[in-house]
Amino acid sequence: MAEPVRLIVGLGNPGREYEDTRHNAGVWFVDALARRQGVFLSEDKKYFGLTGTFTFEGETIRLLVPTTFMNRSGQATAALANFFKIPISQILVAHDELDLPPGTARFKLGGGHGGHNGLRDIISKHGNSRDFYRLRLGIGHPGSAALVTPHVLNKPSKADRDLIERAIDEAVYYTPDLLRGDLDTAMNRLNGFKA
């Protein structure tokens, strides 16, 4: 068994102009999980984000949506994790993933940042440790590196948004496996899904 997840972080940019953009797919996941658990996320300036908690099998699970910009996501993650003494091995970070098509989602443990500025900052602020869980939410690649920034900072088509939402629903459904520390089951169940 791997470590059980105790903190779930959804990456994105703050503000109305960004809330429906592809780069905020991680936020969409935490919002969906919060709805499923009946959790209201409220602003907590100590942790530079929106936070909430729920109880799972007797354990407190913390949710965090940083209200910093993406490239400072680690500021919020480290502040909350350090205060509650949550090791990086018990953190799940949900983020948009260019290398997967819309309608797919993948759990994984560890790895690099792949050029993702939110992951880059989290790794940096946690002593360069990469040993945290990730939920990679496919948003597709625009086909050219020059188009990546406008791609992630624009809204997906309705069809793509529907696919992303379906993948998020699947990920929410299988998140309890990670809360128990059962990464293999979580990966086997989610990683074969294609909307």
N, C-alpha and C. Protein backbone atom coordinates (compact mmCIF):
# COMPACT_ATOMS: atom_id res chain seq x y z
N MET A 1 0.84 -1.20 0.00
CA MET A 1 0.00 0.00 0.00
C MET A 1 0.87 1.25 0.00
N ALA A 2 0.44 2.25 -0.73
CA ALA A 2 1.12 3.55 -0.73
C ALA A 2 0.58 4.38 0.43
N GLU A 3 1.04 5.61 0.53
CA GLU A 3 0.56 6.51 1.58
C GLU A 3 -0.89 6.92 1.29
N PRO A 4 -1.72 7.05 2.32
CA PRO A 4 -3.08 7.56 2.10
C PRO A 4 -3.06 9.06 1.84
N VAL A 5 -3.95 9.53 0.99
CA VAL A 5 -4.03 10.96 0.69
C VAL A 5 -4.78 11.69 1.80
N ARG A 6 -4.21 12.83 2.24
CA ARG A 6 -4.84 13.65 3.29
C ARG A 6 -5.08 15.08 2.84
N LEU A 7 -4.47 15.49 1.73
CA LEU A 7 -4.66 16.83 1.19
C LEU A 7 -4.83 16.73 -0.32
N ILE A 8 -5.89 17.34 -0.84
CA ILE A 8 -6.16 17.34 -2.27
C ILE A 8 -6.16 18.78 -2.75
N VAL A 9 -5.32 19.07 -3.74
CA VAL A 9 -5.11 20.43 -4.23
C VAL A 9 -5.56 20.51 -5.69
N GLY A 10 -6.35 21.51 -6.02
CA GLY A 10 -6.78 21.72 -7.40
C GLY A 10 -6.14 22.96 -7.98
N LEU A 11 -5.35 22.80 -9.04
CA LEU A 11 -4.59 23.92 -9.58
C LEU A 11 -5.38 24.71 -10.62
N GLY A 12 -5.14 26.02 -10.61
CA GLY A 12 -5.78 26.92 -11.56
C GLY A 12 -5.31 28.35 -11.31
N ASN A 13 -5.93 29.27 -12.02
CA ASN A 13 -5.68 30.70 -11.81
C ASN A 13 -6.92 31.33 -11.18
N PRO A 14 -6.74 32.34 -10.32
CA PRO A 14 -7.88 32.98 -9.68
C PRO A 14 -8.56 33.99 -10.60
N GLY A 15 -9.82 34.29 -10.29
CA GLY A 15 -10.51 35.35 -11.02
C GLY A 15 -11.51 34.80 -12.02
N ARG A 16 -12.57 35.59 -12.26
CA ARG A 16 -13.64 35.17 -13.16
C ARG A 16 -13.15 34.91 -14.58
N GLU A 17 -12.14 35.67 -15.02
CA GLU A 17 -11.69 35.54 -16.41
C GLU A 17 -11.01 34.20 -16.67
N TYR A 18 -10.59 33.50 -15.60
CA TYR A 18 -9.88 32.23 -15.78
C TYR A 18 -10.71 31.01 -15.40
N GLU A 19 -11.83 31.19 -14.69
CA GLU A 19 -12.47 30.04 -14.05
C GLU A 19 -12.95 28.97 -15.03
N ASP A 20 -13.26 29.35 -16.28
CA ASP A 20 -13.72 28.37 -17.25
C ASP A 20 -12.66 27.99 -18.28
N THR A 21 -11.39 28.32 -18.00
CA THR A 21 -10.32 28.01 -18.94
C THR A 21 -9.73 26.63 -18.64
N ARG A 22 -9.11 26.03 -19.66
CA ARG A 22 -8.56 24.68 -19.53
C ARG A 22 -7.56 24.56 -18.38
N HIS A 23 -6.81 25.63 -18.12
CA HIS A 23 -5.78 25.60 -17.08
C HIS A 23 -6.38 25.40 -15.69
N ASN A 24 -7.71 25.57 -15.57
CA ASN A 24 -8.38 25.44 -14.28
C ASN A 24 -9.04 24.07 -14.09
N ALA A 25 -8.68 23.10 -14.90
CA ALA A 25 -9.28 21.77 -14.77
C ALA A 25 -9.08 21.18 -13.38
N GLY A 26 -7.94 21.44 -12.76
CA GLY A 26 -7.70 20.94 -11.41
C GLY A 26 -8.68 21.52 -10.40
N VAL A 27 -9.02 22.80 -10.57
CA VAL A 27 -10.02 23.44 -9.72
C VAL A 27 -11.38 22.79 -9.94
N TRP A 28 -11.71 22.51 -11.20
CA TRP A 28 -13.00 21.86 -11.49
C TRP A 28 -13.11 20.53 -10.74
N PHE A 29 -11.99 19.79 -10.67
CA PHE A 29 -12.02 18.51 -9.96
C PHE A 29 -12.30 18.71 -8.47
N VAL A 30 -11.58 19.64 -7.83
CA VAL A 30 -11.80 19.85 -6.40
C VAL A 30 -13.21 20.37 -6.14
N ASP A 31 -13.71 21.22 -7.02
CA ASP A 31 -15.09 21.69 -6.88
C ASP A 31 -16.08 20.52 -6.96
N ALA A 32 -15.84 19.61 -7.90
CA ALA A 32 -16.74 18.45 -8.05
C ALA A 32 -16.66 17.54 -6.84
N LEU A 33 -15.45 17.33 -6.32
CA LEU A 33 -15.28 16.49 -5.13
C LEU A 33 -15.95 17.14 -3.92
N ALA A 34 -15.80 18.46 -3.79
CA ALA A 34 -16.43 19.18 -2.68
C ALA A 34 -17.95 19.04 -2.74
N ARG A 35 -18.51 19.18 -3.96
CA ARG A 35 -19.96 19.01 -4.11
C ARG A 35 -20.39 17.61 -3.69
N ARG A 36 -19.63 16.61 -4.12
CA ARG A 36 -19.96 15.21 -3.80
C ARG A 36 -19.95 15.00 -2.28
N GLN A 37 -19.04 15.68 -1.59
CA GLN A 37 -18.90 15.50 -0.14
C GLN A 37 -19.73 16.51 0.66
N GLY A 38 -20.42 17.41 -0.02
CA GLY A 38 -21.19 18.43 0.69
C GLY A 38 -20.33 19.45 1.40
N VAL A 39 -19.17 19.75 0.83
CA VAL A 39 -18.21 20.68 1.44
C VAL A 39 -18.32 22.05 0.78
N PHE A 40 -18.36 23.09 1.60
CA PHE A 40 -18.30 24.46 1.09
C PHE A 40 -16.87 24.96 1.26
N LEU A 41 -16.25 25.39 0.15
CA LEU A 41 -14.88 25.91 0.21
C LEU A 41 -14.93 27.39 0.55
N SER A 42 -14.17 27.79 1.55
CA SER A 42 -14.15 29.19 1.96
C SER A 42 -12.72 29.71 1.98
N GLU A 43 -12.57 31.01 1.78
CA GLU A 43 -11.24 31.60 1.69
C GLU A 43 -10.55 31.59 3.04
N ASP A 44 -9.30 31.18 3.04
CA ASP A 44 -8.46 31.20 4.24
C ASP A 44 -7.13 31.83 3.86
N LYS A 45 -6.95 33.07 4.24
CA LYS A 45 -5.77 33.82 3.82
C LYS A 45 -4.47 33.21 4.35
N LYS A 46 -4.55 32.48 5.47
CA LYS A 46 -3.34 31.84 6.01
C LYS A 46 -2.74 30.86 5.02
N TYR A 47 -3.62 30.25 4.22
CA TYR A 47 -3.17 29.21 3.30
C TYR A 47 -3.27 29.66 1.84
N PHE A 48 -3.48 30.95 1.63
CA PHE A 48 -3.49 31.52 0.26
C PHE A 48 -4.45 30.77 -0.65
N GLY A 49 -5.62 30.43 -0.13
CA GLY A 49 -6.53 29.67 -0.97
C GLY A 49 -7.90 29.47 -0.35
N LEU A 50 -8.72 28.72 -1.08
CA LEU A 50 -10.02 28.27 -0.60
C LEU A 50 -9.82 26.89 -0.01
N THR A 51 -10.38 26.67 1.19
CA THR A 51 -10.17 25.40 1.87
C THR A 51 -11.49 24.82 2.37
N GLY A 52 -11.47 23.53 2.61
CA GLY A 52 -12.60 22.83 3.21
C GLY A 52 -12.12 21.47 3.68
N THR A 53 -12.93 20.82 4.50
CA THR A 53 -12.57 19.49 5.00
C THR A 53 -13.78 18.56 4.95
N PHE A 54 -13.49 17.27 4.87
CA PHE A 54 -14.51 16.26 5.10
C PHE A 54 -13.84 15.08 5.78
N THR A 55 -14.66 14.20 6.33
CA THR A 55 -14.15 13.04 7.04
C THR A 55 -14.36 11.80 6.19
N PHE A 56 -13.33 11.00 6.09
CA PHE A 56 -13.40 9.75 5.33
C PHE A 56 -12.83 8.64 6.19
N GLU A 57 -13.67 7.68 6.53
CA GLU A 57 -13.25 6.53 7.35
C GLU A 57 -12.49 7.00 8.59
N GLY A 58 -13.00 8.06 9.23
CA GLY A 58 -12.44 8.56 10.47
C GLY A 58 -11.27 9.51 10.33
N GLU A 59 -10.83 9.77 9.11
CA GLU A 59 -9.69 10.65 8.87
C GLU A 59 -10.15 11.98 8.25
N THR A 60 -9.49 13.06 8.63
CA THR A 60 -9.80 14.37 8.06
C THR A 60 -9.08 14.53 6.73
N ILE A 61 -9.85 14.84 5.70
CA ILE A 61 -9.30 15.09 4.37
C ILE A 61 -9.46 16.59 4.08
N ARG A 62 -8.38 17.23 3.69
CA ARG A 62 -8.39 18.67 3.43
C ARG A 62 -8.38 18.95 1.93
N LEU A 63 -9.19 19.92 1.54
CA LEU A 63 -9.24 20.37 0.15
C LEU A 63 -8.67 21.77 0.07
N LEU A 64 -7.96 22.05 -1.02
CA LEU A 64 -7.32 23.36 -1.20
C LEU A 64 -7.37 23.76 -2.67
N VAL A 65 -7.87 24.98 -2.91
CA VAL A 65 -7.76 25.60 -4.22
C VAL A 65 -6.95 26.88 -4.02
N PRO A 66 -5.68 26.90 -4.44
CA PRO A 66 -4.88 28.12 -4.25
C PRO A 66 -5.53 29.32 -4.94
N THR A 67 -5.47 30.47 -4.29
CA THR A 67 -5.95 31.71 -4.91
C THR A 67 -4.77 32.57 -5.37
N THR A 68 -3.58 32.00 -5.34
CA THR A 68 -2.43 32.61 -5.99
C THR A 68 -2.54 32.30 -7.49
N PHE A 69 -1.70 32.91 -8.29
CA PHE A 69 -1.65 32.49 -9.68
C PHE A 69 -0.91 31.16 -9.77
N MET A 70 -1.10 30.48 -10.89
CA MET A 70 -0.61 29.12 -11.08
C MET A 70 0.86 28.97 -10.70
N ASN A 71 1.69 29.93 -11.11
CA ASN A 71 3.14 29.78 -10.90
C ASN A 71 3.55 29.98 -9.45
N ARG A 72 2.56 30.24 -8.55
CA ARG A 72 2.86 30.32 -7.12
C ARG A 72 2.02 29.32 -6.32
N SER A 73 1.59 28.26 -6.97
CA SER A 73 0.74 27.26 -6.32
C SER A 73 1.40 26.64 -5.09
N GLY A 74 2.72 26.51 -5.13
CA GLY A 74 3.43 25.90 -4.02
C GLY A 74 3.36 26.71 -2.73
N GLN A 75 3.15 28.01 -2.85
CA GLN A 75 3.03 28.85 -1.66
C GLN A 75 1.85 28.39 -0.80
N ALA A 76 0.71 28.16 -1.45
CA ALA A 76 -0.48 27.72 -0.74
C ALA A 76 -0.33 26.28 -0.25
N THR A 77 0.13 25.41 -1.13
CA THR A 77 0.25 24.00 -0.77
C THR A 77 1.19 23.81 0.41
N ALA A 78 2.34 24.48 0.39
CA ALA A 78 3.31 24.34 1.47
C ALA A 78 2.78 24.93 2.78
N ALA A 79 2.08 26.07 2.69
CA ALA A 79 1.57 26.71 3.91
C ALA A 79 0.61 25.78 4.64
N LEU A 80 -0.31 25.17 3.91
CA LEU A 80 -1.29 24.30 4.55
C LEU A 80 -0.66 22.98 5.00
N ALA A 81 0.14 22.38 4.12
CA ALA A 81 0.76 21.10 4.46
C ALA A 81 1.69 21.24 5.67
N ASN A 82 2.45 22.31 5.72
CA ASN A 82 3.37 22.51 6.85
C ASN A 82 2.60 22.71 8.15
N PHE A 83 1.53 23.49 8.11
CA PHE A 83 0.77 23.78 9.33
C PHE A 83 0.16 22.51 9.90
N PHE A 84 -0.41 21.66 9.03
CA PHE A 84 -1.09 20.45 9.50
C PHE A 84 -0.17 19.23 9.48
N LYS A 85 1.12 19.46 9.20
CA LYS A 85 2.12 18.39 9.20
C LYS A 85 1.72 17.23 8.28
N ILE A 86 1.29 17.61 7.07
CA ILE A 86 0.95 16.61 6.06
C ILE A 86 2.17 16.42 5.16
N PRO A 87 2.76 15.24 5.14
CA PRO A 87 3.94 15.04 4.28
C PRO A 87 3.56 15.08 2.80
N ILE A 88 4.52 15.41 1.98
CA ILE A 88 4.25 15.53 0.54
C ILE A 88 3.74 14.21 -0.04
N SER A 89 4.11 13.10 0.57
CA SER A 89 3.67 11.79 0.10
C SER A 89 2.17 11.54 0.31
N GLN A 90 1.50 12.46 1.04
CA GLN A 90 0.06 12.33 1.28
C GLN A 90 -0.74 13.43 0.59
N ILE A 91 -0.15 14.04 -0.44
CA ILE A 91 -0.80 15.11 -1.18
C ILE A 91 -1.15 14.63 -2.58
N LEU A 92 -2.38 14.94 -3.01
CA LEU A 92 -2.81 14.71 -4.40
C LEU A 92 -3.01 16.07 -5.06
N VAL A 93 -2.33 16.30 -6.17
CA VAL A 93 -2.46 17.55 -6.92
C VAL A 93 -3.18 17.25 -8.24
N ALA A 94 -4.31 17.91 -8.45
CA ALA A 94 -5.08 17.76 -9.69
C ALA A 94 -4.73 18.90 -10.63
N HIS A 95 -4.40 18.58 -11.88
CA HIS A 95 -3.96 19.61 -12.82
C HIS A 95 -4.32 19.24 -14.25
N ASP A 96 -4.35 20.25 -15.10
CA ASP A 96 -4.57 20.05 -16.53
C ASP A 96 -3.35 19.39 -17.15
N GLU A 97 -3.59 18.57 -18.16
CA GLU A 97 -2.51 17.81 -18.79
C GLU A 97 -2.61 17.89 -20.31
N LEU A 98 -1.64 18.58 -20.93
CA LEU A 98 -1.62 18.74 -22.38
C LEU A 98 -1.44 17.42 -23.12
N ASP A 99 -0.73 16.49 -22.51
CA ASP A 99 -0.36 15.26 -23.22
C ASP A 99 -1.44 14.19 -23.21
N LEU A 100 -2.61 14.50 -22.65
CA LEU A 100 -3.74 13.58 -22.69
C LEU A 100 -4.92 14.27 -23.37
N PRO A 101 -5.70 13.53 -24.14
CA PRO A 101 -6.87 14.15 -24.80
C PRO A 101 -8.00 14.40 -23.80
N PRO A 102 -8.88 15.34 -24.09
CA PRO A 102 -10.05 15.54 -23.25
C PRO A 102 -10.84 14.23 -23.12
N GLY A 103 -11.35 13.98 -21.93
CA GLY A 103 -12.08 12.75 -21.69
C GLY A 103 -11.24 11.66 -21.06
N THR A 104 -9.97 11.96 -20.79
CA THR A 104 -9.10 11.00 -20.10
C THR A 104 -8.56 11.65 -18.82
N ALA A 105 -8.30 10.80 -17.84
CA ALA A 105 -7.71 11.25 -16.57
C ALA A 105 -6.83 10.11 -16.07
N ARG A 106 -5.74 10.46 -15.44
CA ARG A 106 -4.79 9.46 -14.96
C ARG A 106 -4.28 9.83 -13.57
N PHE A 107 -4.30 8.86 -12.66
CA PHE A 107 -3.60 9.00 -11.39
C PHE A 107 -2.16 8.54 -11.58
N LYS A 108 -1.23 9.19 -10.92
CA LYS A 108 0.15 8.71 -10.89
C LYS A 108 0.82 9.20 -9.62
N LEU A 109 1.94 8.61 -9.29
CA LEU A 109 2.72 9.01 -8.13
C LEU A 109 4.10 9.42 -8.61
N GLY A 110 4.50 10.64 -8.25
CA GLY A 110 5.83 11.12 -8.58
C GLY A 110 5.96 11.54 -10.03
N GLY A 111 7.18 11.89 -10.41
CA GLY A 111 7.47 12.36 -11.76
C GLY A 111 7.89 13.81 -11.76
N GLY A 112 8.22 14.32 -12.94
CA GLY A 112 8.66 15.71 -13.07
C GLY A 112 7.48 16.65 -13.18
N HIS A 113 7.79 17.90 -13.59
CA HIS A 113 6.70 18.88 -13.74
C HIS A 113 6.22 18.99 -15.18
N GLY A 114 6.99 18.45 -16.13
CA GLY A 114 6.56 18.45 -17.52
C GLY A 114 6.29 19.83 -18.08
N GLY A 115 6.95 20.85 -17.52
CA GLY A 115 6.74 22.21 -17.99
C GLY A 115 5.54 22.90 -17.37
N HIS A 116 4.82 22.20 -16.48
CA HIS A 116 3.63 22.78 -15.84
C HIS A 116 4.07 23.67 -14.68
N ASN A 117 3.76 24.97 -14.77
CA ASN A 117 4.28 25.92 -13.78
C ASN A 117 3.73 25.69 -12.37
N GLY A 118 2.51 25.19 -12.27
CA GLY A 118 1.97 24.89 -10.94
C GLY A 118 2.73 23.75 -10.28
N LEU A 119 2.95 22.67 -11.02
CA LEU A 119 3.72 21.55 -10.49
C LEU A 119 5.15 21.97 -10.19
N ARG A 120 5.72 22.77 -11.06
CA ARG A 120 7.10 23.24 -10.86
C ARG A 120 7.24 23.97 -9.52
N ASP A 121 6.27 24.84 -9.20
CA ASP A 121 6.35 25.61 -7.96
C ASP A 121 6.10 24.74 -6.74
N ILE A 122 5.19 23.78 -6.86
CA ILE A 122 4.95 22.87 -5.73
C ILE A 122 6.20 22.07 -5.43
N ILE A 123 6.84 21.53 -6.46
CA ILE A 123 8.09 20.79 -6.25
C ILE A 123 9.13 21.69 -5.58
N SER A 124 9.27 22.91 -6.06
CA SER A 124 10.25 23.85 -5.51
C SER A 124 9.98 24.16 -4.04
N LYS A 125 8.71 24.40 -3.70
CA LYS A 125 8.37 24.82 -2.33
C LYS A 125 8.35 23.66 -1.34
N HIS A 126 8.47 22.45 -1.84
CA HIS A 126 8.51 21.27 -0.97
C HIS A 126 9.89 20.61 -1.02
N GLY A 127 10.92 21.44 -1.05
CA GLY A 127 12.28 20.93 -0.99
C GLY A 127 12.69 20.09 -2.18
N ASN A 128 12.13 20.42 -3.35
CA ASN A 128 12.40 19.71 -4.60
C ASN A 128 11.96 18.25 -4.59
N SER A 129 11.04 17.92 -3.66
CA SER A 129 10.48 16.56 -3.66
C SER A 129 9.39 16.45 -4.73
N ARG A 130 9.44 15.36 -5.47
CA ARG A 130 8.44 15.10 -6.52
C ARG A 130 7.49 13.99 -6.13
N ASP A 131 7.62 13.52 -4.89
CA ASP A 131 6.94 12.29 -4.48
C ASP A 131 5.53 12.54 -3.97
N PHE A 132 4.71 13.18 -4.81
CA PHE A 132 3.31 13.37 -4.47
C PHE A 132 2.44 12.79 -5.59
N TYR A 133 1.19 12.54 -5.23
CA TYR A 133 0.24 12.02 -6.21
C TYR A 133 -0.18 13.13 -7.16
N ARG A 134 -0.47 12.72 -8.39
CA ARG A 134 -1.03 13.66 -9.36
C ARG A 134 -2.29 13.05 -9.97
N LEU A 135 -3.23 13.93 -10.27
CA LEU A 135 -4.36 13.58 -11.12
C LEU A 135 -4.21 14.42 -12.37
N ARG A 136 -3.89 13.76 -13.48
CA ARG A 136 -3.66 14.43 -14.76
C ARG A 136 -4.96 14.43 -15.54
N LEU A 137 -5.51 15.62 -15.77
CA LEU A 137 -6.79 15.77 -16.45
C LEU A 137 -6.54 16.24 -17.88
N GLY A 138 -6.82 15.37 -18.84
CA GLY A 138 -6.51 15.67 -20.24
C GLY A 138 -7.27 16.87 -20.78
N ILE A 139 -6.51 17.78 -21.42
CA ILE A 139 -7.12 18.94 -22.09
C ILE A 139 -6.72 18.98 -23.57
N GLY A 140 -5.87 18.03 -23.99
CA GLY A 140 -5.41 18.01 -25.37
C GLY A 140 -4.32 19.02 -25.64
N HIS A 141 -3.58 18.78 -26.70
CA HIS A 141 -2.47 19.66 -27.10
C HIS A 141 -2.87 20.39 -28.39
N PRO A 142 -2.56 21.68 -28.49
CA PRO A 142 -2.95 22.43 -29.69
C PRO A 142 -2.13 22.09 -30.92
N GLY A 143 -1.05 21.31 -30.76
CA GLY A 143 -0.26 20.88 -31.90
C GLY A 143 1.02 21.64 -32.11
N SER A 144 1.16 22.78 -31.47
CA SER A 144 2.37 23.59 -31.61
C SER A 144 2.70 24.24 -30.28
N ALA A 145 3.98 24.27 -29.92
CA ALA A 145 4.40 24.87 -28.65
C ALA A 145 3.99 26.34 -28.57
N ALA A 146 3.99 27.01 -29.70
CA ALA A 146 3.64 28.44 -29.73
C ALA A 146 2.17 28.67 -29.36
N LEU A 147 1.36 27.64 -29.51
CA LEU A 147 -0.08 27.78 -29.24
C LEU A 147 -0.48 27.32 -27.84
N VAL A 148 0.48 26.80 -27.06
CA VAL A 148 0.14 26.22 -25.76
C VAL A 148 -0.47 27.25 -24.82
N THR A 149 0.16 28.43 -24.68
CA THR A 149 -0.36 29.42 -23.73
C THR A 149 -1.78 29.85 -24.06
N PRO A 150 -2.07 30.26 -25.31
CA PRO A 150 -3.47 30.60 -25.58
C PRO A 150 -4.41 29.42 -25.42
N HIS A 151 -3.93 28.21 -25.68
CA HIS A 151 -4.77 27.01 -25.54
C HIS A 151 -5.20 26.82 -24.09
N VAL A 152 -4.23 26.85 -23.16
CA VAL A 152 -4.57 26.58 -21.77
C VAL A 152 -5.35 27.73 -21.14
N LEU A 153 -5.17 28.95 -21.65
CA LEU A 153 -5.84 30.11 -21.06
C LEU A 153 -7.14 30.47 -21.75
N ASN A 154 -7.63 29.57 -22.61
CA ASN A 154 -8.93 29.77 -23.25
C ASN A 154 -9.89 28.68 -22.83
N LYS A 155 -11.18 28.94 -23.05
CA LYS A 155 -12.20 27.97 -22.70
C LYS A 155 -12.22 26.84 -23.72
N PRO A 156 -12.43 25.61 -23.26
CA PRO A 156 -12.60 24.51 -24.22
C PRO A 156 -13.95 24.63 -24.91
N SER A 157 -14.08 23.96 -26.04
CA SER A 157 -15.38 23.87 -26.70
C SER A 157 -16.36 23.16 -25.76
N LYS A 158 -17.65 23.30 -26.04
CA LYS A 158 -18.64 22.62 -25.20
C LYS A 158 -18.42 21.11 -25.22
N ALA A 159 -18.09 20.57 -26.39
CA ALA A 159 -17.86 19.12 -26.49
C ALA A 159 -16.67 18.70 -25.64
N ASP A 160 -15.57 19.46 -25.72
CA ASP A 160 -14.39 19.13 -24.91
C ASP A 160 -14.67 19.31 -23.42
N ARG A 161 -15.40 20.37 -23.06
CA ARG A 161 -15.72 20.58 -21.64
C ARG A 161 -16.55 19.40 -21.12
N ASP A 162 -17.48 18.92 -21.91
CA ASP A 162 -18.29 17.77 -21.49
C ASP A 162 -17.41 16.54 -21.27
N LEU A 163 -16.44 16.32 -22.16
CA LEU A 163 -15.52 15.19 -22.01
C LEU A 163 -14.68 15.33 -20.75
N ILE A 164 -14.16 16.54 -20.51
CA ILE A 164 -13.35 16.78 -19.31
C ILE A 164 -14.18 16.55 -18.05
N GLU A 165 -15.43 17.01 -18.06
CA GLU A 165 -16.31 16.83 -16.90
C GLU A 165 -16.58 15.35 -16.63
N ARG A 166 -16.74 14.58 -17.71
CA ARG A 166 -16.98 13.14 -17.53
C ARG A 166 -15.75 12.45 -16.93
N ALA A 167 -14.57 12.86 -17.36
CA ALA A 167 -13.34 12.31 -16.79
C ALA A 167 -13.20 12.71 -15.32
N ILE A 168 -13.57 13.95 -15.00
CA ILE A 168 -13.53 14.42 -13.60
C ILE A 168 -14.49 13.58 -12.75
N ASP A 169 -15.69 13.33 -13.25
CA ASP A 169 -16.64 12.52 -12.49
C ASP A 169 -16.08 11.14 -12.18
N GLU A 170 -15.40 10.53 -13.16
CA GLU A 170 -14.77 9.23 -12.93
C GLU A 170 -13.68 9.34 -11.86
N ALA A 171 -12.87 10.39 -11.95
CA ALA A 171 -11.79 10.56 -10.98
C ALA A 171 -12.34 10.76 -9.57
N VAL A 172 -13.41 11.54 -9.44
CA VAL A 172 -14.05 11.72 -8.13
C VAL A 172 -14.50 10.37 -7.59
N TYR A 173 -15.07 9.56 -8.47
CA TYR A 173 -15.61 8.26 -8.06
C TYR A 173 -14.52 7.34 -7.50
N TYR A 174 -13.31 7.42 -8.07
CA TYR A 174 -12.24 6.52 -7.65
C TYR A 174 -11.27 7.13 -6.65
N THR A 175 -11.47 8.40 -6.29
CA THR A 175 -10.60 9.04 -5.31
C THR A 175 -10.57 8.32 -3.96
N PRO A 176 -11.67 7.73 -3.47
CA PRO A 176 -11.58 7.01 -2.19
C PRO A 176 -10.49 5.95 -2.14
N ASP A 177 -10.18 5.33 -3.28
CA ASP A 177 -9.07 4.36 -3.28
C ASP A 177 -7.77 5.03 -2.85
N LEU A 178 -7.53 6.26 -3.34
CA LEU A 178 -6.31 6.98 -2.96
C LEU A 178 -6.36 7.41 -1.50
N LEU A 179 -7.55 7.75 -1.01
CA LEU A 179 -7.68 8.14 0.40
C LEU A 179 -7.32 6.98 1.32
N ARG A 180 -7.44 5.75 0.79
CA ARG A 180 -7.05 4.56 1.56
C ARG A 180 -5.59 4.18 1.30
N GLY A 181 -4.94 4.86 0.37
CA GLY A 181 -3.56 4.52 0.04
C GLY A 181 -3.45 3.39 -0.96
N ASP A 182 -4.54 3.08 -1.66
CA ASP A 182 -4.54 1.98 -2.62
C ASP A 182 -4.35 2.54 -4.04
N LEU A 183 -3.12 2.93 -4.35
CA LEU A 183 -2.82 3.55 -5.63
C LEU A 183 -3.05 2.60 -6.79
N ASP A 184 -2.68 1.33 -6.62
CA ASP A 184 -2.81 0.38 -7.73
C ASP A 184 -4.27 0.25 -8.16
N THR A 185 -5.17 0.13 -7.21
CA THR A 185 -6.59 0.01 -7.55
C THR A 185 -7.09 1.29 -8.21
N ALA A 186 -6.72 2.44 -7.63
CA ALA A 186 -7.15 3.71 -8.20
C ALA A 186 -6.68 3.85 -9.64
N MET A 187 -5.42 3.53 -9.89
CA MET A 187 -4.87 3.65 -11.24
C MET A 187 -5.54 2.66 -12.18
N ASN A 188 -5.71 1.42 -11.76
CA ASN A 188 -6.30 0.41 -12.62
C ASN A 188 -7.72 0.76 -13.01
N ARG A 189 -8.46 1.36 -12.10
CA ARG A 189 -9.85 1.69 -12.36
C ARG A 189 -9.96 2.92 -13.24
N LEU A 190 -9.20 3.98 -12.91
CA LEU A 190 -9.35 5.24 -13.64
C LEU A 190 -8.60 5.23 -14.96
N ASN A 191 -7.41 4.65 -14.97
CA ASN A 191 -6.53 4.86 -16.12
C ASN A 191 -6.99 4.15 -17.38
N GLY A 192 -7.98 3.27 -17.26
CA GLY A 192 -8.54 2.65 -18.45
C GLY A 192 -9.75 3.38 -18.98
N PHE A 193 -10.17 4.44 -18.28
CA PHE A 193 -11.38 5.15 -18.68
C PHE A 193 -11.13 6.08 -19.85
N LYS A 194 -12.08 6.11 -20.78
CA LYS A 194 -12.04 7.05 -21.89
C LYS A 194 -13.48 7.47 -22.18
N ALA A 195 -13.75 8.76 -22.00
CA ALA A 195 -15.11 9.26 -22.22
C ALA A 195 -15.48 9.18 -23.68
